[in-house]
Amino acid sequence: MGPTRKPNVCRQLSRRALGFFSRDAGVVQRTNLGILRALVCQESTKFKNVWTTHSKSPIAYERGRIYFDNYRCCVSSIASEPRKLYEMPKCSKSEKIEDALLWECPVGEILPNPSDYKSSLIALTAHNWLFRISATTGKVLEKIYLASYCKFRYLSWDTPQEVIAVKSAQNKGSVLARQAGIQQPVLLYLAVFHVLPFSLIGILEINKKIFGNVTDATLSHGILIVMYSSGLVRLYSFQAITEQFMQQKLDLGCACRWGGTAGTVGEAPFGIPCNIKITDTPPLLFEVSSLENAFQIGGHPWHYIITPNKKKQKGVFHICALKDNSLAKNGIQEMECCSLESDWIYFHPDASGRIIHVGPNQVKVLKLNEVENNSAQHQISEDFVILANREKNKNENLPIVTASGRVVKKNFNLLDDDPEQETFKIVDYEDELDLLSVVAVTQIDAEGKAHLDFHCNEYGTLLKSIPLVESWDVTYSHEVYFDRDLVLHIEQKPSRVFSCYVYQMVCDPADEETTNRSCEKETNLNIILELR
């Protein structure tokens, strides 16, 4: 089945104004986003570079907000020109924000304070404080002191918008202890909280005496994931661990006596004691061996992706059923390419169960479906492929002949990610507009030029291409965000110089005037027909 007919924006707006849609807010929102998608992809729409700035500290972007100076300064990118929302007071290096997550109000829940219904920034500081900061004013709404027995450094969602995990730096021990061959048994700590209102689940220690020679651990969707240098990955239920090994239930703001010391949980200097200490190996849910601990779960039904644990297998991906570890039919995916940077693969974030496999010159979207006449087995097949725009050099196969008539033998071929050929660098998904965004880069003379392409998520059709005006150096680190009518490019140059380029959607004035007249005529006609 091919793509459906392009929707008429004017007709959609007219129908919305006359109340032709369901009163369900979700229907109206989907209609609005459909209108925006049509506007974004129409030929007359351009994306204009409206703002460029540079910084000596990292730049971060979250939902229409650009953060500078370790989240101390926030700029809104929604207005026609970015404007400062707030700037928090200057602080010492020991008090700076090291990591942050944007929390947005849940739907259908009654919250204790009016301010809780607005977006907040959950921030972790260098001196182990966890702050909840208003995303619009920068005011600190809540603060929790974590602990003094370790250095917390990373924030992540365990369950998106519901449960956060605060991870400590790894405990390496003192230099003298390492020289003496004394190993620290505790590798790291994980502090886990429900958000808004903040409530403590517990702080868990990852102990080598229990898990063995573990190199890292993290928490995701209620699963404790433990990794080893051998490539082994083990999965445990965090809920089961909590129920079995929690020493004492702790509540924030309540008095507590722990190890001969009394204090208030979550307040300095007492902080939060480590109240989940595993004394025996917990029940194992699943284990697998993969190169560099690379392991992903997704699809319908559940499948996982690994790379066989051998260096020569790098770039080879196995897609297996989670229930019995069986390899899916056509489940070995290998992109035959010769490049300096390896290809990458992941489950599609649109929850369709599909898989995206990205190489230097192609993006494959794969689907997982049942094998005919065998519902127990699943197979991998191509849904669609996006190819880089590469013109084959007509002269590349012609022999090179010297003046004396000697034929010069070629002993090399161009790499698939050769900078002089269009190469895919970033692939992302805009969930609200249901578009795949692909950044492609080509080296032209001394500088690289990039463009951002929008593809239909269902069929892979190219709908729009946006040139980026700034040069693109492939040796720098880049991030590109496409968020509704905004494109934002963050670049890290040598010596920790960060640049931010903001693009906003604009329409060609002449085309816009014609569209407005057409829309006005159609709206008036619909109103007349409705009155009749």
Protein backbone atom coordinates (compact mmCIF):
# COMPACT_ATOMS: atom_id res chain seq x y z
CA MET A 1 0.00 0.00 0.00
CA GLY A 2 1.41 3.39 -0.99
CA PRO A 3 1.35 6.71 0.85
CA THR A 4 -2.06 8.31 1.40
CA ARG A 5 -3.06 11.62 -0.21
CA LYS A 6 -1.44 14.69 1.33
CA PRO A 7 -3.90 16.35 3.76
CA ASN A 8 -5.17 19.85 3.01
CA VAL A 9 -4.14 22.09 5.91
CA CYS A 10 -6.83 24.72 5.26
CA ARG A 11 -9.58 22.10 5.28
CA GLN A 12 -8.25 20.60 8.51
CA LEU A 13 -8.20 24.03 10.19
CA SER A 14 -11.72 24.79 8.97
CA ARG A 15 -13.08 21.48 10.24
CA ARG A 16 -11.40 22.05 13.61
CA ALA A 17 -12.90 25.55 13.93
CA LEU A 18 -16.38 24.18 13.19
CA GLY A 19 -16.01 21.43 15.79
CA PHE A 20 -16.02 18.51 13.36
CA PHE A 21 -13.64 16.53 15.54
CA SER A 22 -14.34 14.47 18.62
CA ARG A 23 -14.26 16.28 21.96
CA ASP A 24 -11.54 13.90 23.05
CA ALA A 25 -8.44 16.05 23.65
CA GLY A 26 -6.23 13.37 22.11
CA VAL A 27 -8.06 13.59 18.77
CA VAL A 28 -7.64 17.38 18.63
CA GLN A 29 -3.95 17.10 19.56
CA ARG A 30 -3.31 14.49 16.87
CA THR A 31 -5.11 16.69 14.33
CA ASN A 32 -3.01 19.70 15.32
CA LEU A 33 0.20 17.69 14.96
CA GLY A 34 -0.98 16.39 11.59
CA ILE A 35 -1.45 20.00 10.46
CA LEU A 36 2.00 20.93 11.77
CA ARG A 37 3.58 17.97 9.98
CA ALA A 38 1.99 19.08 6.69
CA LEU A 39 3.31 22.61 7.22
CA VAL A 40 6.81 21.37 8.10
CA CYS A 41 7.03 19.18 5.00
CA GLN A 42 5.48 21.52 2.42
CA GLU A 43 7.80 22.86 -0.27
CA SER A 44 7.47 26.56 0.64
CA THR A 45 8.54 25.96 4.26
CA LYS A 46 12.12 26.85 5.11
CA PHE A 47 14.15 26.45 8.28
CA LYS A 48 16.05 29.65 9.04
CA ASN A 49 19.12 29.95 11.26
CA VAL A 50 17.74 32.49 13.78
CA TRP A 51 20.39 32.26 16.51
CA THR A 52 23.97 31.12 17.02
CA THR A 53 25.90 31.16 20.27
CA HIS A 54 29.12 29.76 21.72
CA SER A 55 30.05 28.59 25.21
CA LYS A 56 33.02 27.29 27.18
CA SER A 57 30.77 24.85 29.08
CA PRO A 58 28.54 22.06 27.72
CA ILE A 59 25.20 23.02 26.13
CA ALA A 60 22.13 20.82 26.70
CA TYR A 61 18.66 20.80 25.12
CA GLU A 62 15.37 19.53 26.56
CA ARG A 63 11.85 20.18 25.22
CA GLY A 64 12.23 23.71 23.91
CA ARG A 65 14.79 24.78 26.51
CA ILE A 66 18.52 25.30 25.98
CA TYR A 67 20.74 25.04 29.06
CA PHE A 68 24.12 26.74 29.49
CA ASP A 69 26.79 26.92 32.20
CA ASN A 70 25.98 23.54 33.79
CA TYR A 71 22.19 24.17 33.70
CA ARG A 72 22.58 27.51 35.54
CA CYS A 73 21.21 29.54 32.61
CA CYS A 74 18.07 28.53 30.67
CA VAL A 75 17.01 29.94 27.30
CA SER A 76 13.63 29.30 25.65
CA SER A 77 13.87 28.33 21.99
CA ILE A 78 10.11 28.52 21.37
CA ALA A 79 9.88 32.28 20.72
CA SER A 80 10.71 33.76 17.29
CA GLU A 81 14.16 34.48 18.73
CA PRO A 82 15.54 32.55 21.74
CA ARG A 83 15.09 34.47 25.02
CA LYS A 84 16.45 33.94 28.50
CA LEU A 85 13.98 32.29 30.90
CA TYR A 86 16.15 32.51 33.99
CA GLU A 87 19.69 32.57 35.29
CA MET A 88 20.45 31.01 38.68
CA PRO A 89 22.98 32.66 41.03
CA LYS A 90 26.63 31.82 40.43
CA CYS A 91 27.98 29.00 42.56
CA SER A 92 31.30 27.34 43.36
CA LYS A 93 32.64 24.41 41.37
CA SER A 94 31.70 22.04 44.21
CA GLU A 95 28.04 23.15 43.97
CA LYS A 96 27.58 23.06 40.19
CA ILE A 97 24.93 20.88 38.56
CA GLU A 98 26.53 17.75 37.07
CA ASP A 99 23.49 16.05 35.52
CA ALA A 100 19.79 16.78 35.08
CA LEU A 101 16.50 15.32 33.82
CA LEU A 102 13.36 17.17 32.71
CA TRP A 103 10.25 16.04 34.56
CA GLU A 104 6.84 16.84 33.06
CA CYS A 105 3.50 16.77 34.86
CA PRO A 106 1.73 13.38 34.83
CA VAL A 107 -1.79 13.20 33.40
CA GLY A 108 -4.70 12.35 35.70
CA GLU A 109 -2.87 12.53 39.03
CA ILE A 110 -3.72 14.80 41.96
CA LEU A 111 -0.57 16.52 43.21
CA PRO A 112 -0.07 18.25 46.57
CA ASN A 113 1.07 21.69 45.32
CA PRO A 114 0.00 23.92 42.37
CA SER A 115 3.67 24.23 41.31
CA ASP A 116 3.79 20.44 40.87
CA TYR A 117 1.65 20.70 37.72
CA LYS A 118 4.42 22.57 35.90
CA SER A 119 7.58 21.08 34.40
CA SER A 120 10.57 20.71 36.69
CA LEU A 121 14.26 20.05 36.26
CA ILE A 122 15.59 17.31 38.52
CA ALA A 123 19.24 18.22 39.07
CA LEU A 124 22.19 16.47 40.72
CA THR A 125 24.91 18.73 42.12
CA ALA A 126 28.60 18.04 42.60
CA HIS A 127 28.18 18.07 46.39
CA ASN A 128 25.52 15.29 46.40
CA TRP A 129 22.33 17.35 46.57
CA LEU A 130 19.29 16.42 44.49
CA PHE A 131 17.25 19.51 43.54
CA ARG A 132 13.84 19.92 41.93
CA ILE A 133 13.95 23.23 40.08
CA SER A 134 11.11 25.08 38.35
CA ALA A 135 11.71 24.76 34.60
CA THR A 136 10.31 28.27 33.99
CA THR A 137 11.73 30.34 36.88
CA GLY A 138 14.80 28.45 38.12
CA LYS A 139 13.46 28.48 41.69
CA VAL A 140 14.50 25.50 43.85
CA LEU A 141 11.26 23.76 44.87
CA GLU A 142 12.67 20.74 46.74
CA LYS A 143 16.10 19.54 47.80
CA ILE A 144 17.43 16.26 49.17
CA TYR A 145 20.88 15.58 50.56
CA LEU A 146 21.96 12.15 49.34
CA ALA A 147 25.01 10.99 51.31
CA SER A 148 28.63 11.63 52.22
CA TYR A 149 29.92 8.04 51.86
CA CYS A 150 30.13 8.18 48.02
CA LYS A 151 30.13 10.61 45.10
CA PHE A 152 26.87 10.56 43.12
CA ARG A 153 27.39 11.57 39.50
CA TYR A 154 24.72 10.32 37.05
CA LEU A 155 20.93 10.65 36.69
CA SER A 156 18.73 8.39 34.57
CA TRP A 157 15.11 7.32 34.32
CA ASP A 158 14.35 3.85 35.59
CA THR A 159 10.71 4.26 34.55
CA PRO A 160 10.35 7.40 32.36
CA GLN A 161 8.73 10.31 34.23
CA GLU A 162 8.04 8.10 37.27
CA VAL A 163 11.18 6.61 38.85
CA ILE A 164 14.74 7.99 38.76
CA ALA A 165 18.04 6.25 39.49
CA VAL A 166 20.98 8.27 40.83
CA LYS A 167 24.24 6.44 40.20
CA SER A 168 27.51 7.03 42.04
CA ALA A 169 30.98 7.15 40.58
CA GLN A 170 32.82 3.84 40.80
CA ASN A 171 34.75 3.28 44.02
CA LYS A 172 38.38 2.83 42.98
CA GLY A 173 39.81 3.03 46.50
CA SER A 174 42.83 5.07 47.53
CA VAL A 175 46.14 4.97 45.65
CA LEU A 176 47.85 3.31 48.62
CA ALA A 177 45.14 0.64 48.85
CA ARG A 178 45.45 -0.13 45.13
CA GLN A 179 49.24 -0.33 45.40
CA ALA A 180 48.86 -2.76 48.29
CA GLY A 181 46.47 -4.88 46.21
CA ILE A 182 43.49 -4.13 48.46
CA GLN A 183 40.24 -4.11 46.48
CA GLN A 184 37.16 -2.20 47.55
CA PRO A 185 34.23 -4.64 47.76
CA VAL A 186 31.57 -2.02 46.91
CA LEU A 187 31.80 -0.90 43.26
CA LEU A 188 29.03 1.72 43.26
CA TYR A 189 25.69 2.80 44.74
CA LEU A 190 22.27 3.31 43.14
CA ALA A 191 19.77 5.65 44.84
CA VAL A 192 16.21 5.12 43.56
CA PHE A 193 13.29 7.55 43.99
CA HIS A 194 9.68 7.96 42.94
CA VAL A 195 9.27 11.51 41.62
CA LEU A 196 6.64 14.04 42.55
CA PRO A 197 6.08 13.87 45.28
CA PHE A 198 9.64 12.69 45.95
CA SER A 199 9.69 9.45 47.89
CA LEU A 200 12.64 7.18 48.55
CA ILE A 201 12.61 3.57 47.38
CA GLY A 202 16.11 2.89 48.65
CA ILE A 203 19.87 3.02 48.11
CA LEU A 204 21.41 -0.20 46.79
CA GLU A 205 25.10 -1.13 46.93
CA ILE A 206 26.70 -3.21 44.16
CA ASN A 207 29.10 -5.48 46.03
CA LYS A 208 31.78 -7.58 44.30
CA LYS A 209 31.54 -10.17 47.08
CA ILE A 210 28.01 -10.93 45.85
CA PHE A 211 28.17 -10.27 42.10
CA GLY A 212 31.80 -11.21 41.44
CA ASN A 213 34.22 -9.14 39.37
CA VAL A 214 31.55 -6.75 38.13
CA THR A 215 32.62 -3.69 36.08
CA ASP A 216 29.38 -1.68 35.92
CA ALA A 217 25.69 -1.75 36.82
CA THR A 218 22.58 0.26 35.99
CA LEU A 219 18.83 0.22 36.49
CA SER A 220 16.24 0.26 33.69
CA HIS A 221 12.50 -0.48 33.76
CA GLY A 222 12.72 -2.24 37.11
CA ILE A 223 15.63 -4.44 36.00
CA LEU A 224 19.07 -4.35 37.61
CA ILE A 225 21.61 -4.84 34.81
CA VAL A 226 25.06 -6.02 35.90
CA MET A 227 28.03 -6.09 33.49
CA TYR A 228 31.38 -7.89 33.51
CA SER A 229 34.68 -7.36 31.68
CA SER A 230 34.22 -10.74 29.97
CA GLY A 231 31.19 -9.35 28.10
CA LEU A 232 28.69 -11.13 30.33
CA VAL A 233 25.44 -9.25 31.10
CA ARG A 234 23.14 -10.41 33.92
CA LEU A 235 19.61 -9.22 34.70
CA TYR A 236 17.89 -9.23 38.10
CA SER A 237 14.51 -7.99 39.35
CA PHE A 238 15.00 -4.82 41.39
CA GLN A 239 11.62 -5.28 43.08
CA ALA A 240 12.57 -8.79 44.23
CA ILE A 241 15.90 -7.47 45.54
CA THR A 242 14.12 -4.67 47.42
CA GLU A 243 11.61 -7.04 49.01
CA GLN A 244 14.27 -9.53 50.07
CA PHE A 245 17.21 -7.36 51.12
CA MET A 246 15.85 -4.00 52.33
CA GLN A 247 17.14 -3.59 55.90
CA GLN A 248 14.81 -0.76 56.88
CA LYS A 249 12.16 1.35 55.13
CA LEU A 250 13.23 5.01 55.14
CA ASP A 251 11.04 8.07 54.56
CA LEU A 252 12.35 11.46 53.48
CA GLY A 253 12.09 14.11 56.17
CA CYS A 254 11.62 11.59 58.99
CA ALA A 255 13.91 11.09 61.98
CA CYS A 256 16.15 8.03 61.79
CA ARG A 257 18.81 6.28 63.83
CA TRP A 258 21.36 4.34 61.77
CA GLY A 259 24.66 2.82 62.90
CA GLY A 260 24.68 4.79 66.15
CA THR A 261 24.00 8.11 64.40
CA ALA A 262 20.70 9.98 64.48
CA GLY A 263 19.41 12.47 61.93
CA THR A 264 16.71 13.38 59.42
CA VAL A 265 16.54 11.33 56.22
CA GLY A 266 17.45 13.50 53.22
CA GLU A 267 18.88 16.40 55.21
CA ALA A 268 22.53 17.33 55.70
CA PRO A 269 24.73 16.04 57.20
CA PHE A 270 22.82 12.79 57.84
CA GLY A 271 21.69 12.16 54.25
CA ILE A 272 20.29 8.75 53.28
CA PRO A 273 21.84 5.53 54.62
CA CYS A 274 22.38 2.59 52.26
CA ASN A 275 19.36 0.51 53.26
CA ILE A 276 19.46 -2.25 50.58
CA LYS A 277 22.45 -4.55 51.13
CA ILE A 278 22.42 -7.83 49.23
CA THR A 279 23.75 -10.65 51.41
CA ASP A 280 23.20 -13.53 48.98
CA THR A 281 23.06 -13.90 45.20
CA PRO A 282 19.56 -12.82 44.08
CA PRO A 283 17.50 -14.93 41.62
CA LEU A 284 18.84 -14.53 38.08
CA LEU A 285 16.30 -13.51 35.44
CA PHE A 286 18.51 -13.71 32.35
CA GLU A 287 22.14 -13.69 31.23
CA VAL A 288 23.88 -13.34 27.89
CA SER A 289 27.40 -12.71 26.62
CA SER A 290 27.95 -9.86 24.16
CA LEU A 291 30.87 -7.88 22.77
CA GLU A 292 31.45 -4.73 24.88
CA ASN A 293 28.35 -5.60 26.95
CA ALA A 294 26.13 -4.30 24.11
CA PHE A 295 22.63 -5.59 24.82
CA GLN A 296 19.15 -4.33 23.89
CA ILE A 297 15.62 -5.63 24.46
CA GLY A 298 12.55 -4.73 22.37
CA GLY A 299 10.18 -5.89 19.66
CA HIS A 300 6.85 -7.73 19.71
CA PRO A 301 7.15 -10.36 21.13
CA TRP A 302 10.28 -9.64 23.17
CA HIS A 303 13.59 -10.09 21.36
CA TYR A 304 17.12 -8.95 22.14
CA ILE A 305 20.06 -7.78 20.03
CA ILE A 306 23.68 -8.69 20.78
CA THR A 307 27.04 -8.89 19.02
CA PRO A 308 28.81 -12.27 19.46
CA ASN A 309 31.56 -11.87 22.04
CA LYS A 310 34.53 -11.95 19.65
CA LYS A 311 36.40 -8.94 18.29
CA LYS A 312 36.24 -10.21 14.72
CA GLN A 313 32.43 -10.25 15.05
CA LYS A 314 32.23 -6.47 15.54
CA GLY A 315 29.51 -5.14 13.23
CA VAL A 316 27.60 -8.46 13.26
CA PHE A 317 24.29 -8.38 15.13
CA HIS A 318 22.21 -11.35 16.30
CA ILE A 319 18.48 -10.89 16.94
CA CYS A 320 17.15 -13.59 19.28
CA ALA A 321 13.90 -14.42 21.07
CA LEU A 322 14.02 -13.57 24.76
CA LYS A 323 11.88 -16.52 25.82
CA ASP A 324 14.21 -19.28 24.55
CA ASN A 325 17.32 -17.53 23.08
CA SER A 326 16.48 -18.88 19.62
CA LEU A 327 17.89 -16.93 16.68
CA ALA A 328 15.19 -15.32 14.53
CA LYS A 329 15.05 -16.35 10.88
CA ASN A 330 17.35 -13.93 8.98
CA GLY A 331 18.31 -12.80 12.48
CA ILE A 332 22.01 -12.28 11.68
CA GLN A 333 22.31 -8.72 10.39
CA GLU A 334 25.59 -7.54 8.92
CA MET A 335 25.93 -4.44 6.79
CA GLU A 336 28.60 -5.14 4.21
CA CYS A 337 30.51 -1.90 4.39
CA CYS A 338 34.13 -0.85 4.70
CA SER A 339 34.32 2.18 6.98
CA LEU A 340 36.29 3.72 9.83
CA GLU A 341 33.17 4.08 11.99
CA SER A 342 31.09 0.97 12.64
CA ASP A 343 27.38 0.74 11.87
CA TRP A 344 24.85 0.68 14.70
CA ILE A 345 21.48 -0.93 15.38
CA TYR A 346 18.62 -0.36 17.82
CA PHE A 347 14.91 -1.00 18.33
CA HIS A 348 12.75 1.70 16.79
CA PRO A 349 11.60 4.18 19.49
CA ASP A 350 8.09 4.39 17.98
CA ALA A 351 7.08 1.18 19.85
CA SER A 352 6.26 -0.53 16.53
CA GLY A 353 8.65 -3.38 17.33
CA ARG A 354 10.73 -2.54 14.26
CA ILE A 355 14.53 -2.27 14.19
CA ILE A 356 16.70 0.51 12.72
CA HIS A 357 20.12 -0.47 11.32
CA VAL A 358 22.30 2.48 10.30
CA GLY A 359 25.40 2.32 8.11
CA PRO A 360 27.44 5.03 6.38
CA ASN A 361 25.43 4.88 3.16
CA GLN A 362 22.09 3.30 4.09
CA VAL A 363 19.45 3.17 6.80
CA LYS A 364 17.54 -0.10 6.99
CA VAL A 365 14.23 -0.30 8.83
CA LEU A 366 13.57 -3.96 9.63
CA LYS A 367 10.37 -5.57 10.82
CA LEU A 368 9.81 -8.59 13.01
CA ASN A 369 6.96 -10.90 12.06
CA GLU A 370 5.85 -14.52 12.37
CA VAL A 371 7.20 -17.18 10.05
CA GLU A 372 4.45 -18.48 7.79
CA ASN A 373 2.95 -21.74 9.13
CA ASN A 374 5.06 -21.44 12.29
CA SER A 375 3.76 -18.88 14.77
CA ALA A 376 6.39 -19.92 17.34
CA GLN A 377 9.26 -18.58 15.22
CA HIS A 378 9.80 -15.04 13.99
CA GLN A 379 11.73 -13.65 11.05
CA ILE A 380 13.46 -10.40 10.15
CA SER A 381 12.57 -8.71 6.87
CA GLU A 382 13.17 -5.29 5.34
CA ASP A 383 10.40 -2.75 5.75
CA PHE A 384 12.19 -0.06 3.74
CA VAL A 385 15.71 1.25 3.05
CA ILE A 386 16.95 4.85 2.86
CA LEU A 387 20.00 5.22 0.60
CA ALA A 388 22.59 7.99 0.59
CA ASN A 389 22.61 10.17 -2.51
CA ARG A 390 25.82 9.03 -4.14
CA GLU A 391 26.67 9.51 -7.78
CA LYS A 392 28.90 6.73 -8.99
CA ASN A 393 32.10 8.09 -10.44
CA LYS A 394 32.07 7.22 -14.13
CA ASN A 395 35.87 7.21 -14.27
CA GLU A 396 36.53 5.04 -11.22
CA ASN A 397 36.58 1.80 -13.24
CA LEU A 398 38.73 3.20 -16.07
CA PRO A 399 42.40 2.18 -16.01
CA ILE A 400 45.04 4.84 -15.33
CA VAL A 401 47.66 4.93 -18.11
CA THR A 402 51.03 6.70 -17.81
CA ALA A 403 52.65 8.71 -20.64
CA SER A 404 54.72 5.66 -21.58
CA GLY A 405 51.59 3.54 -21.92
CA ARG A 406 52.01 1.57 -18.69
CA VAL A 407 48.73 0.69 -16.95
CA VAL A 408 48.72 1.63 -13.25
CA LYS A 409 47.08 -1.01 -11.09
CA LYS A 410 44.70 0.28 -8.39
CA ASN A 411 45.18 -1.37 -5.03
CA PHE A 412 42.56 0.46 -2.95
CA ASN A 413 38.89 1.43 -2.93
CA LEU A 414 37.19 4.36 -1.27
CA LEU A 415 35.80 3.76 2.22
CA ASP A 416 32.02 3.70 2.54
CA ASP A 417 32.29 6.64 4.96
CA ASP A 418 34.76 8.56 2.81
CA PRO A 419 34.14 12.26 3.59
CA GLU A 420 33.81 13.16 -0.09
CA GLN A 421 30.71 10.96 -0.34
CA GLU A 422 27.37 11.63 1.33
CA THR A 423 27.45 9.77 4.65
CA PHE A 424 24.77 9.28 7.30
CA LYS A 425 25.86 10.54 10.73
CA ILE A 426 22.72 10.79 12.88
CA VAL A 427 19.30 9.12 12.70
CA ASP A 428 16.52 10.14 15.09
CA TYR A 429 12.74 9.91 15.42
CA GLU A 430 10.33 12.81 16.00
CA ASP A 431 7.50 11.03 17.79
CA GLU A 432 4.89 13.82 17.65
CA LEU A 433 5.18 14.35 13.88
CA ASP A 434 5.97 10.68 13.16
CA LEU A 435 9.03 11.54 11.07
CA LEU A 436 12.48 9.99 10.80
CA SER A 437 15.20 12.66 10.75
CA VAL A 438 18.51 11.78 9.07
CA VAL A 439 21.66 13.92 9.07
CA ALA A 440 23.80 13.40 5.96
CA VAL A 441 27.25 14.99 5.53
CA THR A 442 29.44 15.54 2.46
CA GLN A 443 32.96 17.01 2.38
CA ILE A 444 33.03 19.81 -0.21
CA ASP A 445 36.52 21.20 -0.83
CA ALA A 446 37.95 22.00 2.62
CA GLU A 447 34.74 21.94 4.65
CA GLY A 448 31.88 19.56 5.28
CA LYS A 449 28.28 20.40 4.46
CA ALA A 450 25.33 18.75 6.19
CA HIS A 451 21.62 18.56 5.54
CA LEU A 452 18.78 17.21 7.67
CA ASP A 453 16.26 15.03 5.82
CA PHE A 454 12.74 14.19 7.01
CA HIS A 455 11.43 10.78 5.95
CA CYS A 456 7.98 9.27 6.34
CA ASN A 457 8.22 6.86 9.27
CA GLU A 458 5.79 4.43 7.64
CA TYR A 459 7.22 4.18 4.11
CA GLY A 460 10.64 5.88 4.24
CA THR A 461 9.69 8.45 1.58
CA LEU A 462 11.82 11.62 1.58
CA LEU A 463 9.48 14.50 2.47
CA LYS A 464 11.81 17.42 3.18
CA SER A 465 15.51 18.33 3.13
CA ILE A 466 16.97 21.19 5.18
CA PRO A 467 20.51 22.46 4.50
CA LEU A 468 22.53 23.44 7.58
CA VAL A 469 24.39 26.70 6.90
CA GLU A 470 27.33 26.05 9.25
CA SER A 471 30.21 23.83 8.18
CA TRP A 472 30.36 20.31 9.62
CA ASP A 473 33.71 18.94 10.76
CA VAL A 474 33.47 15.15 11.01
CA THR A 475 36.19 15.10 13.68
CA TYR A 476 34.01 17.11 16.10
CA SER A 477 31.24 15.78 18.31
CA HIS A 478 27.73 16.70 17.10
CA GLU A 479 24.15 16.50 18.36
CA VAL A 480 21.12 17.43 16.22
CA TYR A 481 17.60 17.79 17.63
CA PHE A 482 14.40 18.07 15.58
CA ASP A 483 11.51 19.12 17.82
CA ARG A 484 8.25 20.07 16.07
CA ASP A 485 9.13 23.35 14.25
CA LEU A 486 12.66 23.63 15.65
CA VAL A 487 16.03 22.25 14.55
CA LEU A 488 18.97 22.63 16.93
CA HIS A 489 22.60 21.69 16.26
CA ILE A 490 25.11 21.46 19.14
CA GLU A 491 28.77 21.08 18.22
CA GLN A 492 31.76 20.43 20.48
CA LYS A 493 35.04 21.76 19.12
CA PRO A 494 38.54 21.18 20.50
CA SER A 495 39.54 22.88 23.78
CA ARG A 496 35.96 22.47 25.07
CA VAL A 497 34.37 25.12 22.87
CA PHE A 498 30.66 24.45 22.34
CA SER A 499 28.52 26.00 19.61
CA CYS A 500 24.73 26.04 19.31
CA TYR A 501 22.85 26.75 16.06
CA VAL A 502 19.07 27.26 16.25
CA TYR A 503 16.80 26.94 13.20
CA GLN A 504 13.10 27.78 13.18
CA MET A 505 10.38 27.08 10.65
CA VAL A 506 9.43 29.98 8.37
CA CYS A 507 7.29 30.13 5.24
CA ASP A 508 8.11 31.94 2.03
CA PRO A 509 6.16 35.26 2.27
CA ALA A 510 4.72 35.06 -1.24
CA ASP A 511 3.61 31.45 -0.83
CA GLU A 512 2.28 32.22 2.66
CA GLU A 513 0.11 35.09 1.34
CA THR A 514 -1.34 32.86 -1.39
CA THR A 515 -2.01 30.09 1.14
CA ASN A 516 -3.73 32.53 3.54
CA ARG A 517 -6.04 33.85 0.80
CA SER A 518 -6.91 30.30 -0.25
CA CYS A 519 -7.51 29.26 3.35
CA GLU A 520 -9.72 32.31 4.01
CA LYS A 521 -11.88 31.57 0.95
CA GLU A 522 -12.31 27.91 1.92
CA THR A 523 -13.12 28.80 5.55
CA ASN A 524 -15.79 31.30 4.45
CA LEU A 525 -17.28 28.73 2.07
CA ASN A 526 -17.45 26.09 4.82
CA ILE A 527 -19.14 28.55 7.20
CA ILE A 528 -21.75 29.46 4.55
CA LEU A 529 -22.45 25.78 3.86
CA GLU A 530 -22.73 25.08 7.59
CA LEU A 531 -25.22 27.97 8.06
CA ARG A 532 -27.34 26.65 5.20
